[in-house]
Amino acid sequence: MSFSAKVKGEICRYIDISKEEALAELSAIMKGSGTIGFSGKGLSFRITTENPASARHIFTILKEHFDIHSKING
């Protein structure tokens, strides 16, 4: 297992975080692997990850701290 995979796994295990910490995590994720899009429907963003634990963590943060219900596009 690579160092980055170990770090991602460790970060995903922290579930009791503040809204400020959640925002900082999402900002870092968006900077590293995100894209923002504008359309007639409004603003959207896409995060690409191959790590299932990271994806679950992102979904949890969006739902619990920002009341955003997201979906997976295949």
N, C-alpha and C. Protein backbone atom coordinates (compact mmCIF):
# COMPACT_ATOMS: atom_id res chain seq x y z
N MET A 1 0.85 -1.17 0.00
CA MET A 1 0.00 0.00 0.00
C MET A 1 0.89 1.24 0.00
N SER A 2 0.56 2.19 -0.86
CA SER A 2 1.37 3.39 -0.97
C SER A 2 1.13 4.32 0.22
N PHE A 3 2.05 5.25 0.39
CA PHE A 3 1.93 6.23 1.46
C PHE A 3 0.66 7.06 1.30
N SER A 4 0.37 7.51 0.08
CA SER A 4 -0.82 8.34 -0.13
C SER A 4 -2.10 7.55 0.16
N ALA A 5 -2.14 6.27 -0.18
CA ALA A 5 -3.31 5.44 0.12
C ALA A 5 -3.49 5.31 1.64
N LYS A 6 -2.40 5.17 2.38
CA LYS A 6 -2.47 5.08 3.83
C LYS A 6 -3.00 6.39 4.43
N VAL A 7 -2.52 7.52 3.92
CA VAL A 7 -2.95 8.82 4.42
C VAL A 7 -4.44 9.04 4.12
N LYS A 8 -4.87 8.71 2.90
CA LYS A 8 -6.29 8.85 2.54
C LYS A 8 -7.16 7.99 3.46
N GLY A 9 -6.74 6.77 3.71
CA GLY A 9 -7.49 5.89 4.59
C GLY A 9 -7.59 6.44 6.00
N GLU A 10 -6.50 7.02 6.49
CA GLU A 10 -6.50 7.58 7.84
C GLU A 10 -7.42 8.80 7.92
N ILE A 11 -7.37 9.65 6.93
CA ILE A 11 -8.22 10.85 6.92
C ILE A 11 -9.69 10.45 6.88
N CYS A 12 -10.02 9.43 6.13
CA CYS A 12 -11.41 9.00 5.99
C CYS A 12 -11.99 8.42 7.27
N ARG A 13 -11.14 8.01 8.19
CA ARG A 13 -11.62 7.45 9.44
C ARG A 13 -12.07 8.52 10.43
N TYR A 14 -11.66 9.78 10.22
CA TYR A 14 -12.09 10.87 11.09
C TYR A 14 -13.49 11.29 10.68
N ILE A 15 -14.46 11.06 11.56
CA ILE A 15 -15.84 11.38 11.20
C ILE A 15 -16.40 12.56 11.99
N ASP A 16 -15.81 12.87 13.12
CA ASP A 16 -16.30 13.97 13.94
C ASP A 16 -15.49 15.22 13.65
N ILE A 17 -15.87 15.93 12.58
CA ILE A 17 -15.14 17.13 12.19
C ILE A 17 -16.11 18.31 12.17
N SER A 18 -15.55 19.49 12.34
CA SER A 18 -16.37 20.70 12.32
C SER A 18 -16.68 21.09 10.87
N LYS A 19 -17.59 22.03 10.70
CA LYS A 19 -17.95 22.51 9.36
C LYS A 19 -16.73 23.17 8.70
N GLU A 20 -15.93 23.88 9.49
CA GLU A 20 -14.74 24.52 8.96
C GLU A 20 -13.72 23.49 8.46
N GLU A 21 -13.56 22.41 9.22
CA GLU A 21 -12.65 21.35 8.79
C GLU A 21 -13.19 20.65 7.54
N ALA A 22 -14.50 20.46 7.48
CA ALA A 22 -15.11 19.85 6.30
C ALA A 22 -14.89 20.72 5.07
N LEU A 23 -15.05 22.03 5.23
CA LEU A 23 -14.82 22.95 4.12
C LEU A 23 -13.36 22.92 3.67
N ALA A 24 -12.44 22.84 4.62
CA ALA A 24 -11.01 22.77 4.28
C ALA A 24 -10.70 21.48 3.52
N GLU A 25 -11.29 20.36 3.95
CA GLU A 25 -11.07 19.09 3.25
C GLU A 25 -11.62 19.15 1.83
N LEU A 26 -12.84 19.65 1.68
CA LEU A 26 -13.43 19.74 0.34
C LEU A 26 -12.63 20.68 -0.56
N SER A 27 -12.14 21.77 0.00
CA SER A 27 -11.31 22.69 -0.78
C SER A 27 -10.05 22.01 -1.29
N ALA A 28 -9.41 21.24 -0.42
CA ALA A 28 -8.19 20.53 -0.82
C ALA A 28 -8.50 19.47 -1.87
N ILE A 29 -9.60 18.75 -1.70
CA ILE A 29 -9.99 17.72 -2.66
C ILE A 29 -10.29 18.34 -4.00
N MET A 30 -11.04 19.45 -4.00
CA MET A 30 -11.38 20.12 -5.26
C MET A 30 -10.12 20.64 -5.96
N LYS A 31 -9.18 21.16 -5.20
CA LYS A 31 -7.93 21.67 -5.79
C LYS A 31 -7.15 20.53 -6.44
N GLY A 32 -7.15 19.38 -5.80
CA GLY A 32 -6.35 18.26 -6.29
C GLY A 32 -7.01 17.43 -7.37
N SER A 33 -8.32 17.24 -7.29
CA SER A 33 -8.96 16.33 -8.25
C SER A 33 -10.37 16.74 -8.62
N GLY A 34 -10.66 18.01 -8.57
CA GLY A 34 -12.01 18.47 -8.87
C GLY A 34 -12.07 19.39 -10.06
N THR A 35 -13.27 19.50 -10.61
CA THR A 35 -13.56 20.46 -11.69
C THR A 35 -14.90 21.12 -11.39
N ILE A 36 -15.04 22.37 -11.80
CA ILE A 36 -16.27 23.12 -11.59
C ILE A 36 -16.88 23.38 -12.96
N GLY A 37 -18.20 23.24 -13.05
CA GLY A 37 -18.89 23.48 -14.30
C GLY A 37 -20.06 24.42 -14.13
N PHE A 38 -20.35 25.19 -15.19
CA PHE A 38 -21.49 26.10 -15.21
C PHE A 38 -22.39 25.70 -16.36
N SER A 39 -23.70 25.65 -16.11
CA SER A 39 -24.64 25.31 -17.18
C SER A 39 -25.95 26.02 -16.90
N GLY A 40 -26.95 25.75 -17.74
CA GLY A 40 -28.26 26.33 -17.53
C GLY A 40 -28.90 25.88 -16.23
N LYS A 41 -28.46 24.73 -15.72
CA LYS A 41 -28.98 24.20 -14.46
C LYS A 41 -28.31 24.84 -13.25
N GLY A 42 -27.22 25.56 -13.46
CA GLY A 42 -26.51 26.19 -12.35
C GLY A 42 -25.09 25.69 -12.23
N LEU A 43 -24.55 25.80 -11.06
CA LEU A 43 -23.17 25.43 -10.76
C LEU A 43 -23.10 23.95 -10.40
N SER A 44 -22.08 23.27 -10.89
CA SER A 44 -21.86 21.88 -10.54
C SER A 44 -20.36 21.65 -10.35
N PHE A 45 -20.04 20.63 -9.62
CA PHE A 45 -18.63 20.25 -9.53
C PHE A 45 -18.50 18.75 -9.54
N ARG A 46 -17.35 18.31 -10.01
CA ARG A 46 -17.07 16.88 -10.17
C ARG A 46 -15.75 16.57 -9.48
N ILE A 47 -15.78 15.49 -8.73
CA ILE A 47 -14.57 15.00 -8.07
C ILE A 47 -14.30 13.60 -8.59
N THR A 48 -13.07 13.36 -8.99
CA THR A 48 -12.68 12.06 -9.51
C THR A 48 -11.75 11.37 -8.52
N THR A 49 -12.12 10.16 -8.11
CA THR A 49 -11.27 9.39 -7.20
C THR A 49 -11.43 7.90 -7.51
N GLU A 50 -10.37 7.16 -7.29
CA GLU A 50 -10.42 5.71 -7.43
C GLU A 50 -10.51 5.03 -6.08
N ASN A 51 -10.53 5.82 -5.02
CA ASN A 51 -10.55 5.29 -3.66
C ASN A 51 -11.98 5.31 -3.13
N PRO A 52 -12.61 4.15 -2.94
CA PRO A 52 -14.00 4.10 -2.47
C PRO A 52 -14.19 4.75 -1.10
N ALA A 53 -13.21 4.62 -0.21
CA ALA A 53 -13.33 5.24 1.11
C ALA A 53 -13.36 6.76 1.00
N SER A 54 -12.55 7.30 0.09
CA SER A 54 -12.55 8.75 -0.13
C SER A 54 -13.90 9.21 -0.67
N ALA A 55 -14.45 8.46 -1.61
CA ALA A 55 -15.75 8.82 -2.18
C ALA A 55 -16.83 8.82 -1.10
N ARG A 56 -16.85 7.80 -0.25
CA ARG A 56 -17.84 7.75 0.84
C ARG A 56 -17.66 8.92 1.79
N HIS A 57 -16.42 9.25 2.09
CA HIS A 57 -16.12 10.36 2.99
C HIS A 57 -16.61 11.68 2.41
N ILE A 58 -16.40 11.87 1.13
CA ILE A 58 -16.86 13.10 0.45
C ILE A 58 -18.38 13.18 0.49
N PHE A 59 -19.07 12.09 0.18
CA PHE A 59 -20.53 12.06 0.24
C PHE A 59 -21.02 12.42 1.64
N THR A 60 -20.39 11.85 2.65
CA THR A 60 -20.78 12.11 4.04
C THR A 60 -20.59 13.58 4.40
N ILE A 61 -19.46 14.15 4.04
CA ILE A 61 -19.20 15.56 4.33
C ILE A 61 -20.25 16.44 3.66
N LEU A 62 -20.51 16.20 2.38
CA LEU A 62 -21.48 17.01 1.65
C LEU A 62 -22.86 16.94 2.29
N LYS A 63 -23.27 15.75 2.68
CA LYS A 63 -24.61 15.55 3.24
C LYS A 63 -24.73 16.13 4.65
N GLU A 64 -23.79 15.80 5.52
CA GLU A 64 -23.91 16.18 6.93
C GLU A 64 -23.60 17.64 7.22
N HIS A 65 -22.65 18.22 6.51
CA HIS A 65 -22.23 19.59 6.83
C HIS A 65 -22.84 20.65 5.91
N PHE A 66 -23.24 20.25 4.70
CA PHE A 66 -23.72 21.25 3.75
C PHE A 66 -25.10 20.92 3.17
N ASP A 67 -25.72 19.85 3.64
CA ASP A 67 -27.04 19.41 3.19
C ASP A 67 -27.12 19.32 1.66
N ILE A 68 -26.06 18.78 1.06
CA ILE A 68 -25.99 18.57 -0.38
C ILE A 68 -26.10 17.07 -0.62
N HIS A 69 -27.08 16.69 -1.40
CA HIS A 69 -27.28 15.29 -1.74
C HIS A 69 -26.74 15.09 -3.16
N SER A 70 -25.66 14.35 -3.25
CA SER A 70 -24.96 14.19 -4.52
C SER A 70 -25.24 12.84 -5.15
N LYS A 71 -24.72 12.65 -6.36
CA LYS A 71 -24.92 11.39 -7.06
C LYS A 71 -23.64 10.97 -7.75
N ILE A 72 -23.59 9.70 -8.08
CA ILE A 72 -22.43 9.14 -8.76
C ILE A 72 -22.74 9.06 -10.24
N ASN A 73 -21.82 9.57 -11.04
CA ASN A 73 -21.93 9.43 -12.51
C ASN A 73 -20.88 8.42 -12.95
N GLY A 74 -21.31 7.44 -13.69
CA GLY A 74 -20.40 6.38 -14.14
C GLY A 74 -19.79 6.63 -15.46
